[in-house]
Amino acid sequence: FLVSALFFLTFRSFQTPDSIDQTATFLTQSTNKITRQLTLPDGSTVLLNRNSSVRYSNSFSGKTREITLNGEAFFDVKPNAKQPFIIHAQDTDVWVVGTSFGIRAYDRIVRVSVKTGRVVVRKKQQEITLIPGQQATTDPTADTLRRLPRFDANVLAYTTKQLNFTNQSLASVVETLSDYYQTDIGLSASRLQGCRLTARFENESVETVLGVVAETLQLSVKRT
């Protein structure tokens, strides 16, 4: 069965000092329980996921357009080859000129997912270039970057309100649902990890989704 603080399922039965305008005013925008769409000074847009914040200049008048992210956001950056767009997320920098991509950086594990364009992810002396349909993540234990073997569209579900699972293990489904709904969901028995699920959800509550999962796999849900 699935075990969590909220639910149980069980069987029935890089930045340089001279790149920033030192006279600029900086703005901080944040979210709590809902997502929020922002428009930056250059016309770029940011969809800020729940429990996230960004800090940026009110003018972008320096040599670069720089923004600091804590949490998760989807960026759609206006092209400007003469003024690169840089996101600082934990100890990782993401450089772009004009593209759309998501960054998850609630903790030291930073994940970058590219939808369009080209993105350069930098961490210390390591650098990875990503194209559409590619993802990279940091490994805080080894203090390195690595490219992920496949693109999981569910990591951008907060932008589409859609979750798609195709013959996916229940362990993976639970991890995705925990991230998307930002709540603790777990399996109470390791033998459930290998159960497979194929399902599609659109703009559904966590209670509804878990109910469907339970019905499909002949489980039951318990909430504590």
N, C-alpha and C. Protein backbone atom coordinates (compact mmCIF):
# COMPACT_ATOMS: atom_id res chain seq x y z
N PHE A 1 0.84 -1.20 0.00
CA PHE A 1 0.00 0.00 0.00
C PHE A 1 0.86 1.23 0.00
N LEU A 2 0.28 2.35 -0.38
CA LEU A 2 1.01 3.62 -0.41
C LEU A 2 0.93 4.26 0.94
N VAL A 3 2.07 4.76 1.41
CA VAL A 3 2.10 5.39 2.72
C VAL A 3 2.63 6.80 2.58
N SER A 4 2.00 7.75 3.24
CA SER A 4 2.49 9.12 3.24
C SER A 4 1.95 9.83 4.46
N ALA A 5 2.46 11.06 4.66
CA ALA A 5 1.94 11.86 5.76
C ALA A 5 0.48 12.20 5.53
N LEU A 6 0.06 12.15 4.27
CA LEU A 6 -1.31 12.51 3.94
C LEU A 6 -2.12 11.33 3.45
N PHE A 7 -1.53 10.42 2.69
CA PHE A 7 -2.30 9.39 2.02
C PHE A 7 -1.66 8.02 2.20
N PHE A 8 -2.53 7.00 2.22
CA PHE A 8 -2.09 5.61 2.22
C PHE A 8 -2.87 4.87 1.14
N LEU A 9 -2.20 4.05 0.36
CA LEU A 9 -2.86 3.13 -0.55
C LEU A 9 -2.51 1.73 -0.08
N THR A 10 -3.50 0.88 0.02
CA THR A 10 -3.26 -0.47 0.48
C THR A 10 -4.11 -1.44 -0.32
N PHE A 11 -3.72 -2.72 -0.31
CA PHE A 11 -4.54 -3.71 -0.98
C PHE A 11 -5.91 -3.73 -0.35
N ARG A 12 -6.95 -3.90 -1.22
CA ARG A 12 -8.25 -4.16 -0.63
C ARG A 12 -8.10 -5.49 0.00
N SER A 13 -8.91 -5.56 0.63
CA SER A 13 -8.50 -6.58 1.46
C SER A 13 -7.08 -6.25 1.54
N PHE A 14 27.22 31.16 -14.02
CA PHE A 14 28.41 32.13 -13.81
C PHE A 14 28.21 33.69 -13.94
N GLN A 15 28.44 34.36 -12.89
CA GLN A 15 28.18 35.82 -12.91
C GLN A 15 29.44 36.66 -12.66
N THR A 16 29.66 37.80 -13.43
CA THR A 16 30.80 38.71 -13.22
C THR A 16 30.30 40.01 -12.65
N PRO A 17 31.08 40.69 -11.78
CA PRO A 17 30.62 41.90 -11.10
C PRO A 17 30.24 43.02 -12.04
N ASP A 18 30.90 43.15 -13.23
CA ASP A 18 30.60 44.27 -14.11
C ASP A 18 29.46 43.98 -15.07
N SER A 19 28.83 42.80 -14.93
CA SER A 19 27.75 42.45 -15.84
C SER A 19 26.41 42.97 -15.38
N ILE A 20 26.33 43.48 -14.15
CA ILE A 20 25.07 43.93 -13.57
C ILE A 20 25.09 45.44 -13.39
N ASP A 21 23.98 46.07 -13.70
CA ASP A 21 23.83 47.50 -13.49
C ASP A 21 23.72 47.75 -11.99
N GLN A 22 24.75 48.35 -11.41
CA GLN A 22 24.80 48.55 -9.97
C GLN A 22 23.75 49.55 -9.47
N THR A 23 23.16 50.33 -10.39
CA THR A 23 22.16 51.32 -9.97
C THR A 23 20.74 50.78 -10.07
N ALA A 24 20.59 49.55 -10.52
CA ALA A 24 19.25 49.00 -10.73
C ALA A 24 18.55 48.70 -9.42
N THR A 25 17.22 48.76 -9.47
CA THR A 25 16.39 48.33 -8.35
C THR A 25 16.01 46.87 -8.58
N PHE A 26 16.07 46.06 -7.53
CA PHE A 26 15.77 44.65 -7.67
C PHE A 26 14.39 44.33 -7.11
N LEU A 27 13.68 43.46 -7.82
CA LEU A 27 12.33 43.05 -7.43
C LEU A 27 12.34 41.59 -7.03
N THR A 28 11.53 41.23 -6.05
CA THR A 28 11.35 39.84 -5.65
C THR A 28 9.88 39.48 -5.78
N GLN A 29 9.61 38.41 -6.51
CA GLN A 29 8.24 37.91 -6.68
C GLN A 29 8.20 36.49 -6.13
N SER A 30 7.10 36.14 -5.46
CA SER A 30 7.03 34.81 -4.86
C SER A 30 5.61 34.25 -4.92
N THR A 31 5.52 32.95 -4.69
CA THR A 31 4.23 32.27 -4.66
C THR A 31 4.16 31.38 -3.43
N ASN A 32 2.94 31.02 -3.07
CA ASN A 32 2.71 30.06 -1.99
C ASN A 32 1.97 28.83 -2.52
N LYS A 33 0.65 28.88 -2.50
CA LYS A 33 -0.14 27.70 -2.85
C LYS A 33 -0.60 27.66 -4.30
N ILE A 34 -0.35 28.72 -5.06
CA ILE A 34 -0.79 28.75 -6.45
C ILE A 34 0.36 29.17 -7.35
N THR A 35 0.24 28.85 -8.65
CA THR A 35 1.24 29.29 -9.62
C THR A 35 0.96 30.75 -9.99
N ARG A 36 1.96 31.40 -10.61
CA ARG A 36 1.80 32.81 -10.95
C ARG A 36 2.58 33.13 -12.21
N GLN A 37 1.95 33.84 -13.14
CA GLN A 37 2.59 34.24 -14.39
C GLN A 37 3.17 35.64 -14.23
N LEU A 38 4.45 35.81 -14.60
CA LEU A 38 5.13 37.10 -14.51
C LEU A 38 5.65 37.51 -15.88
N THR A 39 5.67 38.81 -16.13
CA THR A 39 6.32 39.35 -17.32
C THR A 39 7.51 40.18 -16.88
N LEU A 40 8.69 39.84 -17.38
CA LEU A 40 9.93 40.51 -16.99
C LEU A 40 10.12 41.79 -17.81
N PRO A 41 11.06 42.65 -17.41
CA PRO A 41 11.26 43.94 -18.09
C PRO A 41 11.55 43.83 -19.59
N ASP A 42 12.12 42.71 -20.04
CA ASP A 42 12.44 42.55 -21.46
C ASP A 42 11.33 41.89 -22.26
N GLY A 43 10.20 41.59 -21.60
CA GLY A 43 9.09 40.92 -22.26
C GLY A 43 9.11 39.41 -22.11
N SER A 44 10.18 38.84 -21.56
CA SER A 44 10.21 37.41 -21.26
C SER A 44 9.15 37.11 -20.21
N THR A 45 8.65 35.88 -20.21
CA THR A 45 7.65 35.50 -19.23
C THR A 45 8.16 34.37 -18.34
N VAL A 46 7.64 34.32 -17.13
CA VAL A 46 7.99 33.30 -16.16
C VAL A 46 6.71 32.77 -15.54
N LEU A 47 6.53 31.46 -15.58
CA LEU A 47 5.44 30.83 -14.83
C LEU A 47 6.06 30.27 -13.56
N LEU A 48 5.77 30.91 -12.44
CA LEU A 48 6.36 30.54 -11.16
C LEU A 48 5.49 29.48 -10.50
N ASN A 49 6.08 28.32 -10.23
CA ASN A 49 5.34 27.26 -9.57
C ASN A 49 5.12 27.60 -8.10
N ARG A 50 4.38 26.75 -7.42
CA ARG A 50 4.06 26.99 -6.01
C ARG A 50 5.33 27.01 -5.15
N ASN A 51 5.27 27.79 -4.08
CA ASN A 51 6.36 27.85 -3.09
C ASN A 51 7.70 28.18 -3.75
N SER A 52 7.68 29.17 -4.61
CA SER A 52 8.88 29.56 -5.35
C SER A 52 9.04 31.08 -5.34
N SER A 53 10.25 31.54 -5.68
CA SER A 53 10.49 32.98 -5.75
C SER A 53 11.57 33.28 -6.78
N VAL A 54 11.49 34.48 -7.35
CA VAL A 54 12.52 34.97 -8.27
C VAL A 54 12.91 36.39 -7.87
N ARG A 55 14.17 36.73 -8.12
CA ARG A 55 14.67 38.08 -7.85
C ARG A 55 15.40 38.57 -9.09
N TYR A 56 15.07 39.80 -9.54
CA TYR A 56 15.65 40.30 -10.78
C TYR A 56 15.62 41.82 -10.81
N SER A 57 16.40 42.40 -11.72
CA SER A 57 16.46 43.84 -11.89
C SER A 57 15.18 44.35 -12.56
N ASN A 58 14.77 45.57 -12.21
CA ASN A 58 13.57 46.14 -12.80
C ASN A 58 13.80 46.72 -14.18
N SER A 59 15.06 46.65 -14.68
CA SER A 59 15.34 47.29 -15.96
C SER A 59 16.11 46.41 -16.95
N PHE A 60 16.89 45.43 -16.48
CA PHE A 60 17.75 44.62 -17.35
C PHE A 60 18.61 45.52 -18.24
N SER A 61 19.22 46.54 -17.65
CA SER A 61 19.98 47.51 -18.42
C SER A 61 21.47 47.20 -18.48
N GLY A 62 21.92 46.12 -17.84
CA GLY A 62 23.34 45.76 -17.86
C GLY A 62 23.70 44.93 -19.08
N LYS A 63 24.86 44.32 -19.05
CA LYS A 63 25.33 43.51 -20.17
C LYS A 63 24.60 42.18 -20.27
N THR A 64 24.00 41.75 -19.17
CA THR A 64 23.26 40.50 -19.15
C THR A 64 21.90 40.72 -18.48
N ARG A 65 20.99 39.80 -18.73
CA ARG A 65 19.70 39.76 -18.03
C ARG A 65 19.79 38.63 -17.02
N GLU A 66 19.81 38.98 -15.73
CA GLU A 66 20.06 37.95 -14.72
C GLU A 66 18.90 37.87 -13.74
N ILE A 67 18.62 36.63 -13.32
CA ILE A 67 17.52 36.37 -12.40
C ILE A 67 17.93 35.24 -11.47
N THR A 68 17.52 35.33 -10.23
CA THR A 68 17.82 34.29 -9.25
C THR A 68 16.53 33.55 -8.91
N LEU A 69 16.58 32.23 -8.99
CA LEU A 69 15.40 31.40 -8.75
C LEU A 69 15.59 30.52 -7.53
N ASN A 70 14.59 30.51 -6.67
CA ASN A 70 14.48 29.52 -5.60
C ASN A 70 13.13 28.83 -5.78
N GLY A 71 13.16 27.53 -6.05
CA GLY A 71 11.92 26.80 -6.30
C GLY A 71 11.86 26.30 -7.73
N GLU A 72 10.75 26.56 -8.41
CA GLU A 72 10.56 26.02 -9.75
C GLU A 72 9.85 27.03 -10.63
N ALA A 73 10.27 27.09 -11.90
CA ALA A 73 9.65 28.04 -12.83
C ALA A 73 9.89 27.59 -14.26
N PHE A 74 8.96 28.03 -15.13
CA PHE A 74 9.10 27.81 -16.57
C PHE A 74 9.35 29.17 -17.22
N PHE A 75 10.42 29.27 -18.00
CA PHE A 75 10.83 30.53 -18.62
C PHE A 75 10.58 30.48 -20.12
N ASP A 76 10.05 31.57 -20.67
CA ASP A 76 9.95 31.77 -22.11
C ASP A 76 10.69 33.08 -22.40
N VAL A 77 11.95 32.95 -22.86
CA VAL A 77 12.86 34.08 -22.92
C VAL A 77 12.83 34.75 -24.30
N LYS A 78 12.70 36.07 -24.30
CA LYS A 78 12.77 36.84 -25.54
C LYS A 78 14.20 36.81 -26.08
N PRO A 79 14.37 36.55 -27.39
CA PRO A 79 15.72 36.48 -27.97
C PRO A 79 16.44 37.83 -27.90
N ASN A 80 17.71 37.79 -27.52
CA ASN A 80 18.59 38.96 -27.55
C ASN A 80 20.02 38.46 -27.43
N ALA A 81 20.64 38.22 -28.58
CA ALA A 81 21.99 37.64 -28.59
C ALA A 81 23.03 38.55 -27.94
N LYS A 82 22.76 39.85 -27.90
CA LYS A 82 23.71 40.79 -27.32
C LYS A 82 23.58 40.91 -25.81
N GLN A 83 22.52 40.33 -25.25
CA GLN A 83 22.31 40.41 -23.81
C GLN A 83 21.82 39.05 -23.30
N PRO A 84 22.75 38.14 -23.03
CA PRO A 84 22.36 36.79 -22.59
C PRO A 84 21.49 36.83 -21.33
N PHE A 85 20.64 35.82 -21.22
CA PHE A 85 19.73 35.67 -20.09
C PHE A 85 20.31 34.58 -19.19
N ILE A 86 20.53 34.89 -17.92
CA ILE A 86 21.18 33.96 -16.99
C ILE A 86 20.30 33.75 -15.78
N ILE A 87 20.05 32.47 -15.45
CA ILE A 87 19.31 32.14 -14.24
C ILE A 87 20.26 31.51 -13.24
N HIS A 88 20.30 32.05 -12.04
CA HIS A 88 21.09 31.47 -10.96
C HIS A 88 20.15 30.63 -10.09
N ALA A 89 20.44 29.33 -10.00
CA ALA A 89 19.60 28.42 -9.23
C ALA A 89 20.50 27.57 -8.33
N GLN A 90 20.42 27.84 -7.04
CA GLN A 90 21.34 27.20 -6.09
C GLN A 90 22.77 27.52 -6.54
N ASP A 91 23.60 26.52 -6.78
CA ASP A 91 24.98 26.77 -7.23
C ASP A 91 25.16 26.44 -8.70
N THR A 92 24.05 26.52 -9.45
CA THR A 92 24.05 26.21 -10.87
C THR A 92 23.57 27.42 -11.67
N ASP A 93 24.20 27.67 -12.82
CA ASP A 93 23.79 28.77 -13.70
C ASP A 93 23.27 28.20 -15.01
N VAL A 94 22.20 28.82 -15.52
CA VAL A 94 21.63 28.43 -16.80
C VAL A 94 21.70 29.63 -17.73
N TRP A 95 22.37 29.48 -18.89
CA TRP A 95 22.57 30.57 -19.85
C TRP A 95 21.76 30.31 -21.10
N VAL A 96 21.03 31.33 -21.57
CA VAL A 96 20.25 31.21 -22.81
C VAL A 96 20.28 32.55 -23.54
N VAL A 97 19.86 32.52 -24.79
CA VAL A 97 19.67 33.75 -25.57
C VAL A 97 18.18 33.98 -25.79
N GLY A 98 17.49 32.95 -26.27
CA GLY A 98 16.05 33.01 -26.44
C GLY A 98 15.51 31.61 -26.57
N THR A 99 14.74 31.14 -25.60
CA THR A 99 14.30 29.75 -25.58
C THR A 99 13.23 29.58 -24.51
N SER A 100 12.66 28.39 -24.42
CA SER A 100 11.70 28.10 -23.35
C SER A 100 12.11 26.80 -22.65
N PHE A 101 12.05 26.81 -21.34
CA PHE A 101 12.58 25.70 -20.55
C PHE A 101 12.10 25.81 -19.11
N GLY A 102 12.18 24.72 -18.39
CA GLY A 102 11.81 24.69 -16.98
C GLY A 102 13.02 24.42 -16.11
N ILE A 103 13.01 25.00 -14.91
CA ILE A 103 14.07 24.74 -13.92
C ILE A 103 13.40 24.40 -12.59
N ARG A 104 13.83 23.31 -12.00
CA ARG A 104 13.38 22.94 -10.66
C ARG A 104 14.58 23.04 -9.72
N ALA A 105 14.46 23.89 -8.69
CA ALA A 105 15.61 24.13 -7.81
C ALA A 105 15.12 24.43 -6.39
N TYR A 106 14.33 23.50 -5.86
CA TYR A 106 13.88 23.66 -4.48
C TYR A 106 14.99 23.35 -3.48
N ASP A 107 15.96 22.55 -3.92
CA ASP A 107 17.09 22.19 -3.05
C ASP A 107 18.33 22.10 -3.92
N ARG A 108 19.36 21.42 -3.45
CA ARG A 108 20.63 21.37 -4.18
C ARG A 108 20.55 20.52 -5.44
N ILE A 109 19.47 19.73 -5.59
CA ILE A 109 19.27 18.98 -6.82
C ILE A 109 18.54 19.89 -7.80
N VAL A 110 19.24 20.37 -8.81
CA VAL A 110 18.67 21.29 -9.80
C VAL A 110 18.43 20.52 -11.09
N ARG A 111 17.22 20.64 -11.63
CA ARG A 111 16.87 19.94 -12.87
C ARG A 111 16.43 20.95 -13.93
N VAL A 112 16.97 20.81 -15.14
CA VAL A 112 16.64 21.71 -16.25
C VAL A 112 16.02 20.89 -17.37
N SER A 113 14.87 21.35 -17.89
CA SER A 113 14.14 20.64 -18.95
C SER A 113 13.86 21.62 -20.09
N VAL A 114 14.33 21.30 -21.29
CA VAL A 114 14.24 22.23 -22.41
C VAL A 114 13.08 21.88 -23.33
N LYS A 115 12.25 22.88 -23.61
CA LYS A 115 11.13 22.72 -24.55
C LYS A 115 11.49 23.21 -25.94
N THR A 116 12.08 24.42 -26.02
CA THR A 116 12.51 24.95 -27.31
C THR A 116 13.87 25.63 -27.17
N GLY A 117 14.59 25.75 -28.28
CA GLY A 117 15.86 26.47 -28.27
C GLY A 117 17.01 25.66 -27.68
N ARG A 118 18.06 26.38 -27.30
CA ARG A 118 19.27 25.76 -26.77
C ARG A 118 19.61 26.40 -25.42
N VAL A 119 19.98 25.56 -24.46
CA VAL A 119 20.26 26.01 -23.10
C VAL A 119 21.62 25.47 -22.67
N VAL A 120 22.41 26.31 -22.03
CA VAL A 120 23.70 25.88 -21.48
C VAL A 120 23.60 25.87 -19.95
N VAL A 121 23.87 24.72 -19.36
CA VAL A 121 23.83 24.56 -17.91
C VAL A 121 25.26 24.49 -17.40
N ARG A 122 25.60 25.33 -16.43
CA ARG A 122 26.96 25.40 -15.91
C ARG A 122 26.98 25.20 -14.41
N LYS A 123 27.92 24.41 -13.97
CA LYS A 123 28.14 24.19 -12.54
C LYS A 123 29.64 24.09 -12.33
N LYS A 124 30.21 25.11 -11.67
CA LYS A 124 31.65 25.19 -11.49
C LYS A 124 32.34 25.11 -12.86
N GLN A 125 33.18 24.12 -13.08
CA GLN A 125 33.91 24.03 -14.34
C GLN A 125 33.23 23.12 -15.36
N GLN A 126 32.07 22.59 -15.01
CA GLN A 126 31.38 21.66 -15.90
C GLN A 126 30.28 22.38 -16.67
N GLU A 127 30.04 21.95 -17.91
CA GLU A 127 29.05 22.60 -18.77
C GLU A 127 28.36 21.56 -19.65
N ILE A 128 27.02 21.65 -19.75
CA ILE A 128 26.24 20.77 -20.61
C ILE A 128 25.32 21.64 -21.47
N THR A 129 25.29 21.37 -22.77
CA THR A 129 24.37 22.06 -23.67
C THR A 129 23.17 21.16 -23.95
N LEU A 130 21.97 21.72 -23.78
CA LEU A 130 20.73 20.96 -23.97
C LEU A 130 19.95 21.54 -25.15
N ILE A 131 19.30 20.66 -25.90
CA ILE A 131 18.42 21.04 -26.99
C ILE A 131 17.01 20.55 -26.64
N PRO A 132 15.99 20.92 -27.44
CA PRO A 132 14.62 20.52 -27.12
C PRO A 132 14.47 19.02 -26.88
N GLY A 133 13.73 18.69 -25.82
CA GLY A 133 13.52 17.30 -25.47
C GLY A 133 14.61 16.70 -24.63
N GLN A 134 15.51 17.52 -24.10
CA GLN A 134 16.58 17.02 -23.25
C GLN A 134 16.49 17.62 -21.85
N GLN A 135 17.03 16.87 -20.89
CA GLN A 135 17.04 17.29 -19.49
C GLN A 135 18.41 17.02 -18.88
N ALA A 136 18.74 17.82 -17.86
CA ALA A 136 19.96 17.60 -17.09
C ALA A 136 19.65 17.85 -15.63
N THR A 137 20.46 17.25 -14.77
CA THR A 137 20.28 17.44 -13.33
C THR A 137 21.64 17.51 -12.66
N THR A 138 21.67 18.12 -11.51
CA THR A 138 22.90 18.14 -10.73
C THR A 138 22.92 16.94 -9.78
N ASP A 139 24.09 16.52 -9.45
CA ASP A 139 24.31 15.45 -8.46
C ASP A 139 25.04 16.08 -7.29
N PRO A 140 24.32 16.45 -6.22
CA PRO A 140 24.99 17.15 -5.12
C PRO A 140 26.02 16.31 -4.39
N THR A 141 25.88 14.99 -4.44
CA THR A 141 26.85 14.12 -3.76
C THR A 141 28.21 14.19 -4.45
N ALA A 142 28.17 14.08 -5.79
CA ALA A 142 29.42 14.16 -6.56
C ALA A 142 29.75 15.57 -6.99
N ASP A 143 28.80 16.49 -6.76
CA ASP A 143 28.98 17.90 -7.13
C ASP A 143 29.24 18.04 -8.63
N THR A 144 28.39 17.33 -9.42
CA THR A 144 28.56 17.33 -10.87
C THR A 144 27.22 17.51 -11.56
N LEU A 145 27.28 17.69 -12.89
CA LEU A 145 26.12 17.72 -13.77
C LEU A 145 26.04 16.41 -14.53
N ARG A 146 24.81 16.00 -14.88
CA ARG A 146 24.67 14.85 -15.77
C ARG A 146 23.41 15.00 -16.62
N ARG A 147 23.49 14.51 -17.83
CA ARG A 147 22.36 14.52 -18.74
C ARG A 147 21.45 13.33 -18.43
N LEU A 148 20.15 13.54 -18.39
CA LEU A 148 19.23 12.45 -18.11
C LEU A 148 18.98 11.63 -19.37
N PRO A 149 18.76 10.32 -19.22
CA PRO A 149 18.64 9.45 -20.40
C PRO A 149 17.38 9.66 -21.22
N ARG A 150 16.31 10.18 -20.61
CA ARG A 150 15.08 10.40 -21.36
C ARG A 150 14.37 11.64 -20.83
N PHE A 151 13.51 12.21 -21.68
CA PHE A 151 12.75 13.41 -21.31
C PHE A 151 11.42 13.00 -20.71
N ASP A 152 11.16 13.45 -19.49
CA ASP A 152 9.89 13.16 -18.82
C ASP A 152 9.03 14.41 -18.86
N ALA A 153 8.00 14.41 -19.73
CA ALA A 153 7.15 15.59 -19.89
C ALA A 153 6.39 15.93 -18.62
N ASN A 154 6.24 14.97 -17.73
CA ASN A 154 5.50 15.24 -16.49
C ASN A 154 6.20 16.25 -15.58
N VAL A 155 7.48 16.47 -15.78
CA VAL A 155 8.17 17.46 -14.95
C VAL A 155 7.68 18.87 -15.25
N LEU A 156 7.04 19.05 -16.40
CA LEU A 156 6.47 20.36 -16.76
C LEU A 156 4.95 20.36 -16.60
N ALA A 157 4.42 19.42 -15.84
CA ALA A 157 2.96 19.31 -15.70
C ALA A 157 2.35 20.55 -15.07
N TYR A 158 3.11 21.27 -14.26
CA TYR A 158 2.56 22.48 -13.64
C TYR A 158 2.27 23.56 -14.67
N THR A 159 2.83 23.43 -15.88
CA THR A 159 2.56 24.40 -16.95
C THR A 159 1.38 23.97 -17.82
N THR A 160 1.07 22.68 -17.84
CA THR A 160 0.02 22.14 -18.71
C THR A 160 -1.19 21.62 -17.94
N LYS A 161 -1.00 21.35 -16.64
CA LYS A 161 -2.03 20.73 -15.79
C LYS A 161 -2.36 19.32 -16.26
N GLN A 162 -1.42 18.69 -16.97
CA GLN A 162 -1.64 17.34 -17.47
C GLN A 162 -0.56 16.40 -16.96
N LEU A 163 -1.00 15.18 -16.62
CA LEU A 163 -0.09 14.11 -16.21
C LEU A 163 -0.37 12.90 -17.09
N ASN A 164 0.67 12.34 -17.68
CA ASN A 164 0.53 11.19 -18.56
C ASN A 164 1.46 10.07 -18.11
N PHE A 165 0.90 8.89 -17.89
CA PHE A 165 1.68 7.72 -17.50
C PHE A 165 1.39 6.59 -18.49
N THR A 166 2.45 6.02 -19.04
CA THR A 166 2.30 4.92 -19.99
C THR A 166 3.11 3.73 -19.49
N ASN A 167 2.40 2.74 -18.99
CA ASN A 167 3.04 1.53 -18.46
C ASN A 167 4.17 1.88 -17.50
N GLN A 168 3.91 2.84 -16.63
CA GLN A 168 4.93 3.36 -15.71
C GLN A 168 4.83 2.66 -14.37
N SER A 169 5.97 2.44 -13.74
CA SER A 169 5.98 1.77 -12.44
C SER A 169 5.28 2.63 -11.40
N LEU A 170 4.66 2.00 -10.43
CA LEU A 170 3.96 2.75 -9.40
C LEU A 170 4.94 3.58 -8.57
N ALA A 171 6.15 3.09 -8.40
CA ALA A 171 7.16 3.86 -7.67
C ALA A 171 7.42 5.17 -8.38
N SER A 172 7.54 5.13 -9.71
CA SER A 172 7.77 6.34 -10.50
C SER A 172 6.55 7.24 -10.48
N VAL A 173 5.36 6.67 -10.56
CA VAL A 173 4.12 7.45 -10.51
C VAL A 173 4.02 8.21 -9.20
N VAL A 174 4.30 7.54 -8.11
CA VAL A 174 4.22 8.16 -6.78
C VAL A 174 5.21 9.31 -6.66
N GLU A 175 6.41 9.12 -7.19
CA GLU A 175 7.42 10.19 -7.15
C GLU A 175 6.94 11.41 -7.94
N THR A 176 6.37 11.17 -9.13
CA THR A 176 5.86 12.26 -9.95
C THR A 176 4.72 12.99 -9.26
N LEU A 177 3.78 12.24 -8.69
CA LEU A 177 2.64 12.86 -8.01
C LEU A 177 3.08 13.65 -6.79
N SER A 178 4.05 13.14 -6.07
CA SER A 178 4.55 13.86 -4.89
C SER A 178 5.16 15.20 -5.30
N ASP A 179 5.92 15.20 -6.40
CA ASP A 179 6.52 16.44 -6.89
C ASP A 179 5.45 17.41 -7.39
N TYR A 180 4.51 16.90 -8.18
CA TYR A 180 3.51 17.76 -8.81
C TYR A 180 2.58 18.41 -7.79
N TYR A 181 2.10 17.61 -6.85
CA TYR A 181 1.17 18.13 -5.84
C TYR A 181 1.87 18.68 -4.60
N GLN A 182 3.18 18.51 -4.54
CA GLN A 182 3.98 18.98 -3.42
C GLN A 182 3.41 18.47 -2.09
N THR A 183 3.20 17.17 -2.04
CA THR A 183 2.72 16.51 -0.84
C THR A 183 3.42 15.17 -0.71
N ASP A 184 3.40 14.59 0.46
CA ASP A 184 4.09 13.33 0.70
C ASP A 184 3.17 12.16 0.40
N ILE A 185 3.59 11.34 -0.55
CA ILE A 185 2.87 10.11 -0.90
C ILE A 185 3.91 9.01 -0.94
N GLY A 186 3.60 7.88 -0.36
CA GLY A 186 4.58 6.80 -0.34
C GLY A 186 3.93 5.44 -0.46
N LEU A 187 4.74 4.45 -0.71
CA LEU A 187 4.28 3.06 -0.79
C LEU A 187 4.53 2.37 0.54
N SER A 188 3.52 1.69 1.05
CA SER A 188 3.67 1.02 2.34
C SER A 188 4.26 -0.37 2.20
N ALA A 189 4.33 -0.88 0.97
CA ALA A 189 4.92 -2.20 0.74
C ALA A 189 5.79 -2.14 -0.50
N SER A 190 7.00 -2.61 -0.40
CA SER A 190 7.94 -2.53 -1.53
C SER A 190 7.45 -3.34 -2.72
N ARG A 191 6.61 -4.35 -2.50
CA ARG A 191 6.14 -5.17 -3.62
C ARG A 191 5.21 -4.39 -4.55
N LEU A 192 4.74 -3.23 -4.11
CA LEU A 192 3.89 -2.41 -4.96
C LEU A 192 4.69 -1.60 -5.98
N GLN A 193 5.98 -1.45 -5.76
CA GLN A 193 6.78 -0.58 -6.61
C GLN A 193 6.73 -0.98 -8.08
N GLY A 194 6.63 -2.29 -8.33
CA GLY A 194 6.66 -2.78 -9.70
C GLY A 194 5.32 -2.78 -10.41
N CYS A 195 4.23 -2.43 -9.72
CA CYS A 195 2.93 -2.35 -10.38
C CYS A 195 3.00 -1.32 -11.51
N ARG A 196 2.31 -1.57 -12.62
CA ARG A 196 2.38 -0.69 -13.77
C ARG A 196 1.06 0.06 -13.95
N LEU A 197 1.17 1.32 -14.36
CA LEU A 197 -0.01 2.16 -14.55
C LEU A 197 0.04 2.87 -15.89
N THR A 198 -1.08 2.85 -16.61
CA THR A 198 -1.28 3.67 -17.80
C THR A 198 -2.52 4.52 -17.56
N ALA A 199 -2.34 5.83 -17.53
CA ALA A 199 -3.46 6.72 -17.22
C ALA A 199 -3.09 8.14 -17.63
N ARG A 200 -4.12 8.96 -17.84
CA ARG A 200 -3.94 10.37 -18.17
C ARG A 200 -4.86 11.21 -17.30
N PHE A 201 -4.32 12.28 -16.73
CA PHE A 201 -5.08 13.15 -15.85
C PHE A 201 -4.92 14.59 -16.32
N GLU A 202 -5.98 15.36 -16.23
CA GLU A 202 -5.92 16.76 -16.61
C GLU A 202 -6.64 17.62 -15.58
N ASN A 203 -5.86 18.46 -14.92
CA ASN A 203 -6.40 19.43 -13.95
C ASN A 203 -7.24 18.75 -12.87
N GLU A 204 -6.74 17.65 -12.34
CA GLU A 204 -7.45 16.90 -11.30
C GLU A 204 -6.80 17.12 -9.94
N SER A 205 -7.59 16.98 -8.89
CA SER A 205 -7.07 17.08 -7.53
C SER A 205 -6.28 15.83 -7.18
N VAL A 206 -5.43 15.92 -6.17
CA VAL A 206 -4.65 14.76 -5.76
C VAL A 206 -5.56 13.66 -5.25
N GLU A 207 -6.67 14.03 -4.61
CA GLU A 207 -7.61 13.01 -4.12
C GLU A 207 -8.22 12.23 -5.28
N THR A 208 -8.59 12.94 -6.35
CA THR A 208 -9.17 12.28 -7.51
C THR A 208 -8.16 11.36 -8.18
N VAL A 209 -6.94 11.84 -8.35
CA VAL A 209 -5.91 11.05 -9.02
C VAL A 209 -5.60 9.79 -8.22
N LEU A 210 -5.43 9.91 -6.92
CA LEU A 210 -5.13 8.74 -6.10
C LEU A 210 -6.30 7.76 -6.10
N GLY A 211 -7.51 8.30 -6.17
CA GLY A 211 -8.68 7.42 -6.24
C GLY A 211 -8.68 6.59 -7.51
N VAL A 212 -8.31 7.20 -8.63
CA VAL A 212 -8.24 6.48 -9.90
C VAL A 212 -7.12 5.45 -9.87
N VAL A 213 -5.97 5.83 -9.33
CA VAL A 213 -4.85 4.89 -9.21
C VAL A 213 -5.26 3.69 -8.37
N ALA A 214 -5.92 3.96 -7.26
CA ALA A 214 -6.34 2.88 -6.37
C ALA A 214 -7.34 1.96 -7.06
N GLU A 215 -8.30 2.54 -7.77
CA GLU A 215 -9.31 1.73 -8.46
C GLU A 215 -8.68 0.90 -9.57
N THR A 216 -7.76 1.49 -10.30
CA THR A 216 -7.12 0.79 -11.42
C THR A 216 -6.29 -0.38 -10.95
N LEU A 217 -5.57 -0.19 -9.86
CA LEU A 217 -4.63 -1.21 -9.38
C LEU A 217 -5.20 -2.03 -8.22
N GLN A 218 -6.51 -1.84 -7.96
CA GLN A 218 -7.19 -2.56 -6.87
C GLN A 218 -6.50 -2.34 -5.54
N LEU A 219 -6.29 -1.05 -5.25
CA LEU A 219 -5.74 -0.62 -3.98
C LEU A 219 -6.77 0.22 -3.26
N SER A 220 -6.45 0.66 -2.08
CA SER A 220 -7.30 1.61 -1.37
C SER A 220 -6.45 2.73 -0.83
N VAL A 221 -7.05 3.87 -0.59
CA VAL A 221 -6.35 5.06 -0.14
C VAL A 221 -6.66 5.32 1.32
N LYS A 222 -5.65 5.60 2.10
CA LYS A 222 -5.82 6.01 3.49
C LYS A 222 -5.13 7.35 3.70
N ARG A 223 -5.80 8.24 4.38
CA ARG A 223 -5.24 9.57 4.65
C ARG A 223 -5.04 9.73 6.14
N THR A 224 -3.90 10.30 6.53
CA THR A 224 -3.66 10.50 7.95
C THR A 224 -3.52 11.98 8.24
